[in-house]
PDB file of N, CA and C in Angstrom:
ATOM      1  N   MET A   1      -9.885  -7.349 -12.718  1.00  0.00           N
ATOM      2  CA  MET A   1      -8.908  -6.427 -13.269  1.00  0.00           C
ATOM      3  C   MET A   1      -8.838  -6.653 -14.769  1.00  0.00           C
ATOM      4  N   ASN A   2      -8.717  -5.599 -15.498  1.00  0.00           N
ATOM      5  CA  ASN A   2      -8.751  -5.672 -16.943  1.00  0.00           C
ATOM      6  C   ASN A   2      -7.348  -5.521 -17.518  1.00  0.00           C
ATOM      7  N   TRP A   3      -6.866  -6.560 -18.210  1.00  0.00           N
ATOM      8  CA  TRP A   3      -5.524  -6.494 -18.794  1.00  0.00           C
ATOM      9  C   TRP A   3      -5.442  -5.430 -19.872  1.00  0.00           C
ATOM     10  N   VAL A   4      -6.576  -5.049 -20.461  1.00  0.00           N
ATOM     11  CA  VAL A   4      -6.565  -4.016 -21.501  1.00  0.00           C
ATOM     12  C   VAL A   4      -6.038  -2.703 -20.932  1.00  0.00           C
ATOM     13  N   MET A   5      -6.398  -2.394 -19.695  1.00  0.00           N
ATOM     14  CA  MET A   5      -5.903  -1.160 -19.068  1.00  0.00           C
ATOM     15  C   MET A   5      -4.385  -1.210 -18.907  1.00  0.00           C
ATOM     16  N   ARG A   6      -3.888  -2.367 -18.499  1.00  0.00           N
ATOM     17  CA  ARG A   6      -2.438  -2.515 -18.309  1.00  0.00           C
ATOM     18  C   ARG A   6      -1.723  -2.399 -19.648  1.00  0.00           C
ATOM     19  N   GLU A   7      -2.188  -3.143 -20.637  1.00  0.00           N
ATOM     20  CA  GLU A   7      -1.531  -3.114 -21.942  1.00  0.00           C
ATOM     21  C   GLU A   7      -1.686  -1.754 -22.616  1.00  0.00           C
ATOM     22  N   GLY A   8      -2.785  -1.059 -22.339  1.00  0.00           N
ATOM     23  CA  GLY A   8      -2.985   0.277 -22.885  1.00  0.00           C
ATOM     24  C   GLY A   8      -1.922   1.259 -22.424  1.00  0.00           C
ATOM     25  N   ARG A   9      -1.341   0.994 -21.271  1.00  0.00           N
ATOM     26  CA  ARG A   9      -0.249   1.829 -20.757  1.00  0.00           C
ATOM     27  C   ARG A   9       1.106   1.349 -21.272  1.00  0.00           C
ATOM     28  N   GLY A  10       1.096   0.231 -21.994  1.00  0.00           N
ATOM     29  CA  GLY A  10       2.354  -0.327 -22.475  1.00  0.00           C
ATOM     30  C   GLY A  10       3.112  -1.078 -21.390  1.00  0.00           C
ATOM     31  N   TRP A  11       2.400  -1.507 -20.358  1.00  0.00           N
ATOM     32  CA  TRP A  11       3.025  -2.169 -19.217  1.00  0.00           C
ATOM     33  C   TRP A  11       2.948  -3.680 -19.333  1.00  0.00           C
ATOM     34  N   SER A  12       3.977  -4.331 -18.836  1.00  0.00           N
ATOM     35  CA  SER A  12       3.949  -5.780 -18.665  1.00  0.00           C
ATOM     36  C   SER A  12       3.294  -6.084 -17.316  1.00  0.00           C
ATOM     37  N   GLN A  13       3.040  -7.356 -17.073  1.00  0.00           N
ATOM     38  CA  GLN A  13       2.531  -7.734 -15.753  1.00  0.00           C
ATOM     39  C   GLN A  13       3.540  -7.370 -14.673  1.00  0.00           C
ATOM     40  N   ASN A  14       4.825  -7.519 -14.976  1.00  0.00           N
ATOM     41  CA  ASN A  14       5.860  -7.144 -14.008  1.00  0.00           C
ATOM     42  C   ASN A  14       5.813  -5.655 -13.693  1.00  0.00           C
ATOM     43  N   ASP A  15       5.579  -4.830 -14.712  1.00  0.00           N
ATOM     44  CA  ASP A  15       5.488  -3.381 -14.495  1.00  0.00           C
ATOM     45  C   ASP A  15       4.345  -3.046 -13.539  1.00  0.00           C
ATOM     46  N   LEU A  16       3.182  -3.632 -13.790  1.00  0.00           N
ATOM     47  CA  LEU A  16       2.034  -3.366 -12.921  1.00  0.00           C
ATOM     48  C   LEU A  16       2.297  -3.877 -11.514  1.00  0.00           C
ATOM     49  N   ALA A  17       2.876  -5.053 -11.415  1.00  0.00           N
ATOM     50  CA  ALA A  17       3.183  -5.612 -10.095  1.00  0.00           C
ATOM     51  C   ALA A  17       4.088  -4.675  -9.307  1.00  0.00           C
ATOM     52  N   ARG A  18       5.098  -4.150  -9.960  1.00  0.00           N
ATOM     53  CA  ARG A  18       6.026  -3.232  -9.290  1.00  0.00           C
ATOM     54  C   ARG A  18       5.304  -1.962  -8.853  1.00  0.00           C
ATOM     55  N   GLU A  19       4.513  -1.375  -9.728  1.00  0.00           N
ATOM     56  CA  GLU A  19       3.821  -0.121  -9.416  1.00  0.00           C
ATOM     57  C   GLU A  19       2.779  -0.291  -8.309  1.00  0.00           C
ATOM     58  N   ALA A  20       2.162  -1.461  -8.237  1.00  0.00           N
ATOM     59  CA  ALA A  20       1.110  -1.695  -7.246  1.00  0.00           C
ATOM     60  C   ALA A  20       1.625  -2.424  -6.006  1.00  0.00           C
ATOM     61  N   ALA A  21       2.912  -2.724  -5.987  1.00  0.00           N
ATOM     62  CA  ALA A  21       3.529  -3.414  -4.842  1.00  0.00           C
ATOM     63  C   ALA A  21       2.879  -4.768  -4.567  1.00  0.00           C
ATOM     64  N   VAL A  22       2.694  -5.533  -5.638  1.00  0.00           N
ATOM     65  CA  VAL A  22       2.225  -6.914  -5.523  1.00  0.00           C
ATOM     66  C   VAL A  22       3.175  -7.790  -6.329  1.00  0.00           C
ATOM     67  N   THR A  23       3.020  -9.092  -6.230  1.00  0.00           N
ATOM     68  CA  THR A  23       3.889  -9.985  -6.989  1.00  0.00           C
ATOM     69  C   THR A  23       3.387 -10.145  -8.418  1.00  0.00           C
ATOM     70  N   HIS A  24       4.315 -10.521  -9.287  1.00  0.00           N
ATOM     71  CA  HIS A  24       3.949 -10.804 -10.675  1.00  0.00           C
ATOM     72  C   HIS A  24       2.920 -11.928 -10.727  1.00  0.00           C
ATOM     73  N   SER A  25       3.123 -12.959  -9.914  1.00  0.00           N
ATOM     74  CA  SER A  25       2.191 -14.090  -9.944  1.00  0.00           C
ATOM     75  C   SER A  25       0.785 -13.663  -9.509  1.00  0.00           C
ATOM     76  N   ALA A  26       0.690 -12.704  -8.595  1.00  0.00           N
ATOM     77  CA  ALA A  26      -0.626 -12.207  -8.182  1.00  0.00           C
ATOM     78  C   ALA A  26      -1.320 -11.517  -9.351  1.00  0.00           C
ATOM     79  N   VAL A  27      -0.600 -10.671 -10.076  1.00  0.00           N
ATOM     80  CA  VAL A  27      -1.184  -9.990 -11.240  1.00  0.00           C
ATOM     81  C   VAL A  27      -1.656 -11.025 -12.256  1.00  0.00           C
ATOM     82  N   ALA A  28      -0.832 -12.031 -12.514  1.00  0.00           N
ATOM     83  CA  ALA A  28      -1.201 -13.072 -13.476  1.00  0.00           C
ATOM     84  C   ALA A  28      -2.469 -13.802 -13.030  1.00  0.00           C
ATOM     85  N   ARG A  29      -2.569 -14.126 -11.745  1.00  0.00           N
ATOM     86  CA  ARG A  29      -3.769 -14.816 -11.235  1.00  0.00           C
ATOM     87  C   ARG A  29      -5.004 -13.925 -11.335  1.00  0.00           C
ATOM     88  N   PHE A  30      -4.857 -12.639 -11.012  1.00  0.00           N
ATOM     89  CA  PHE A  30      -5.998 -11.724 -11.102  1.00  0.00           C
ATOM     90  C   PHE A  30      -6.489 -11.629 -12.545  1.00  0.00           C
ATOM     91  N   GLU A  31      -5.558 -11.482 -13.475  1.00  0.00           N
ATOM     92  CA  GLU A  31      -5.942 -11.341 -14.879  1.00  0.00           C
ATOM     93  C   GLU A  31      -6.576 -12.612 -15.428  1.00  0.00           C
ATOM     94  N   ALA A  32      -6.136 -13.759 -14.943  1.00  0.00           N
ATOM     95  CA  ALA A  32      -6.679 -15.038 -15.407  1.00  0.00           C
ATOM     96  C   ALA A  32      -8.002 -15.380 -14.728  1.00  0.00           C
ATOM     97  N   GLY A  33      -8.355 -14.600 -13.707  1.00  0.00           N
ATOM     98  CA  GLY A  33      -9.584 -14.862 -12.980  1.00  0.00           C
ATOM     99  C   GLY A  33      -9.447 -15.971 -11.952  1.00  0.00           C
ATOM    100  N   GLY A  34      -8.208 -16.348 -11.652  1.00  0.00           N
ATOM    101  CA  GLY A  34      -7.978 -17.418 -10.691  1.00  0.00           C
ATOM    102  C   GLY A  34      -8.222 -17.005  -9.259  1.00  0.00           C
ATOM    103  N   THR A  35      -7.980 -15.741  -8.951  1.00  0.00           N
ATOM    104  CA  THR A  35      -8.237 -15.215  -7.615  1.00  0.00           C
ATOM    105  C   THR A  35      -8.774 -13.798  -7.738  1.00  0.00           C
ATOM    106  N   ILE A  36      -9.388 -13.342  -6.688  1.00  0.00           N
ATOM    107  CA  ILE A  36      -9.928 -11.984  -6.637  1.00  0.00           C
ATOM    108  C   ILE A  36      -9.091 -11.198  -5.636  1.00  0.00           C
ATOM    109  N   PRO A  37      -8.603 -10.019  -6.026  1.00  0.00           N
ATOM    110  CA  PRO A  37      -7.783  -9.248  -5.084  1.00  0.00           C
ATOM    111  C   PRO A  37      -8.610  -8.735  -3.911  1.00  0.00           C
ATOM    112  N   THR A  38      -7.947  -8.590  -2.778  1.00  0.00           N
ATOM    113  CA  THR A  38      -8.596  -7.962  -1.627  1.00  0.00           C
ATOM    114  C   THR A  38      -8.823  -6.488  -1.947  1.00  0.00           C
ATOM    115  N   LEU A  39      -9.668  -5.839  -1.181  1.00  0.00           N
ATOM    116  CA  LEU A  39      -9.948  -4.425  -1.430  1.00  0.00           C
ATOM    117  C   LEU A  39      -8.689  -3.561  -1.362  1.00  0.00           C
ATOM    118  N   PRO A  40      -7.808  -3.727  -0.361  1.00  0.00           N
ATOM    119  CA  PRO A  40      -6.591  -2.906  -0.347  1.00  0.00           C
ATOM    120  C   PRO A  40      -5.708  -3.126  -1.581  1.00  0.00           C
ATOM    121  N   VAL A  41      -5.616  -4.371  -2.033  1.00  0.00           N
ATOM    122  CA  VAL A  41      -4.810  -4.656  -3.231  1.00  0.00           C
ATOM    123  C   VAL A  41      -5.495  -4.072  -4.459  1.00  0.00           C
ATOM    124  N   LEU A  42      -6.805  -4.206  -4.546  1.00  0.00           N
ATOM    125  CA  LEU A  42      -7.545  -3.638  -5.667  1.00  0.00           C
ATOM    126  C   LEU A  42      -7.359  -2.127  -5.733  1.00  0.00           C
ATOM    127  N   GLU A  43      -7.358  -1.474  -4.586  1.00  0.00           N
ATOM    128  CA  GLU A  43      -7.132  -0.028  -4.552  1.00  0.00           C
ATOM    129  C   GLU A  43      -5.738   0.320  -5.061  1.00  0.00           C
ATOM    130  N   ARG A  44      -4.726  -0.458  -4.690  1.00  0.00           N
ATOM    131  CA  ARG A  44      -3.362  -0.192  -5.175  1.00  0.00           C
ATOM    132  C   ARG A  44      -3.267  -0.407  -6.681  1.00  0.00           C
ATOM    133  N   LEU A  45      -3.923  -1.449  -7.178  1.00  0.00           N
ATOM    134  CA  LEU A  45      -3.929  -1.695  -8.620  1.00  0.00           C
ATOM    135  C   LEU A  45      -4.617  -0.546  -9.352  1.00  0.00           C
ATOM    136  N   ALA A  46      -5.747  -0.098  -8.830  1.00  0.00           N
ATOM    137  CA  ALA A  46      -6.484   1.002  -9.458  1.00  0.00           C
ATOM    138  C   ALA A  46      -5.659   2.280  -9.469  1.00  0.00           C
ATOM    139  N   ARG A  47      -4.987   2.576  -8.357  1.00  0.00           N
ATOM    140  CA  ARG A  47      -4.132   3.777  -8.316  1.00  0.00           C
ATOM    141  C   ARG A  47      -3.000   3.660  -9.325  1.00  0.00           C
ATOM    142  N   ALA A  48      -2.388   2.498  -9.405  1.00  0.00           N
ATOM    143  CA  ALA A  48      -1.280   2.306 -10.338  1.00  0.00           C
ATOM    144  C   ALA A  48      -1.736   2.530 -11.775  1.00  0.00           C
ATOM    145  N   LEU A  49      -2.964   2.131 -12.074  1.00  0.00           N
ATOM    146  CA  LEU A  49      -3.495   2.259 -13.432  1.00  0.00           C
ATOM    147  C   LEU A  49      -4.259   3.565 -13.654  1.00  0.00           C
ATOM    148  N   ASP A  50      -4.318   4.419 -12.642  1.00  0.00           N
ATOM    149  CA  ASP A  50      -5.116   5.651 -12.715  1.00  0.00           C
ATOM    150  C   ASP A  50      -6.557   5.350 -13.110  1.00  0.00           C
ATOM    151  N   ALA A  51      -7.079   4.256 -12.578  1.00  0.00           N
ATOM    152  CA  ALA A  51      -8.442   3.836 -12.916  1.00  0.00           C
ATOM    153  C   ALA A  51      -9.452   4.663 -12.139  1.00  0.00           C
ATOM    154  N   GLN A  52     -10.551   4.970 -12.784  1.00  0.00           N
ATOM    155  CA  GLN A  52     -11.650   5.692 -12.157  1.00  0.00           C
ATOM    156  C   GLN A  52     -12.814   4.735 -12.016  1.00  0.00           C
ATOM    157  N   GLY A  53     -13.518   4.835 -10.942  1.00  0.00           N
ATOM    158  CA  GLY A  53     -14.672   3.967 -10.740  1.00  0.00           C
ATOM    159  C   GLY A  53     -15.513   4.487  -9.604  1.00  0.00           C
ATOM    160  N   PRO A  54     -16.525   3.726  -9.259  1.00  0.00           N
ATOM    161  CA  PRO A  54     -17.392   4.162  -8.166  1.00  0.00           C
ATOM    162  C   PRO A  54     -16.640   4.191  -6.846  1.00  0.00           C
ATOM    163  N   THR A  55     -17.036   5.085  -5.997  1.00  0.00           N
ATOM    164  CA  THR A  55     -16.445   5.176  -4.669  1.00  0.00           C
ATOM    165  C   THR A  55     -17.134   4.169  -3.765  1.00  0.00           C
ATOM    166  N   VAL A  56     -16.349   3.416  -3.047  1.00  0.00           N
ATOM    167  CA  VAL A  56     -16.892   2.439  -2.114  1.00  0.00           C
ATOM    168  C   VAL A  56     -16.761   3.010  -0.719  1.00  0.00           C
ATOM    169  N   ARG A  57     -17.871   3.047  -0.015  1.00  0.00           N
ATOM    170  CA  ARG A  57     -17.864   3.571   1.347  1.00  0.00           C
ATOM    171  C   ARG A  57     -18.413   2.504   2.280  1.00  0.00           C
ATOM    172  N   PRO A  58     -17.912   2.478   3.494  1.00  0.00           N
ATOM    173  CA  PRO A  58     -18.419   1.490   4.451  1.00  0.00           C
ATOM    174  C   PRO A  58     -19.908   1.691   4.713  1.00  0.00           C
ATOM    175  N   PHE A  59     -20.602   0.596   4.878  1.00  0.00           N
ATOM    176  CA  PHE A  59     -22.024   0.647   5.215  1.00  0.00           C
ATOM    177  C   PHE A  59     -22.164   1.017   6.680  1.00  0.00           C
ATOM    178  N   SER A  60     -22.957   2.019   6.952  1.00  0.00           N
ATOM    179  CA  SER A  60     -23.097   2.484   8.331  1.00  0.00           C
ATOM    180  C   SER A  60     -24.332   1.913   9.021  1.00  0.00           C
ATOM    181  N   GLY A  61     -25.055   1.073   8.321  1.00  0.00           N
ATOM    182  CA  GLY A  61     -26.251   0.474   8.922  1.00  0.00           C
ATOM    183  C   GLY A  61     -27.456   1.387   8.824  1.00  0.00           C
ATOM    184  N   GLY A  62     -28.544   0.936   9.382  1.00  0.00           N
ATOM    185  CA  GLY A  62     -29.714   1.786   9.439  1.00  0.00           C
ATOM    186  C   GLY A  62     -30.738   1.473   8.496  1.00  0.00           C
TER     187      GLY A  62
END
């Protein structure tokens, strides 16, 4: 997660945490690189930040 996107919106870590329904400490750990968010949490963070990126689809095998 890129703190530049958060700060570009004028948001604090608390603001992002509230918008993405995660804890402040989780946002701080993600930004520091201490932990990696799960896919559902990453999706909530991306939605909160209006982030655009590649679409991830389940692998169907084959």
